Amino acid sequence: MTDLADFARLITGDHGLCVVSTLRADRTMQSSVVNAGVLRHPATGADVVGMVVRGDARKLDNLRARPRATVVIRVGWEWAAVEGPVWVVGPDDPAPDVDAERLRLLLREVFTAAGGVHEDWAEYDRVMAAERRAVVLVLPDRVYGNG
């Protein structure tokens, strides 16, 4: 049986590269490649799958309008998928108890959960703010795979 621990274990296999699928307004699927990782939800403490998304990304528009996603990670022939509703927070998506400083730190938490490392965190923060990056957390209500 696949669980979130299986998903998290696969993160290290390919730098957290995943495919995220969202629903367009015309009810067709849109998929793209992202870096994702497993971390604790800042409000609930539950384990979730997180990603950082550019503020002008089409997937973010889709998630704002239809807040549900599927994220699939694979390494070789082993894979795991997480489906569920999403929680979005960013400069254009305020959330209770997440001020600008908490968002700055949360963007770093998601990045590192996805296996990211950075030599200049001030530069990372600057780019995240300039691109109006948002944090997207998938709250898993279905986890499956072949692991």
Foldseek 3Di string as FASTA:
>chain_A
DDDVVLVQVLLVQPLQWKKKWFADPVRDIDIDIFRWAWDADPVPRDIWIKTKDFPPDPRVVRCVVVFKMKIKGDHVQWIKIFIAGKDKDWPVRHDPPCDPVNQLVVNVVGCVRSVHDDPDSVVVSVVCVVRRMMMMIGDGPDMDIDD
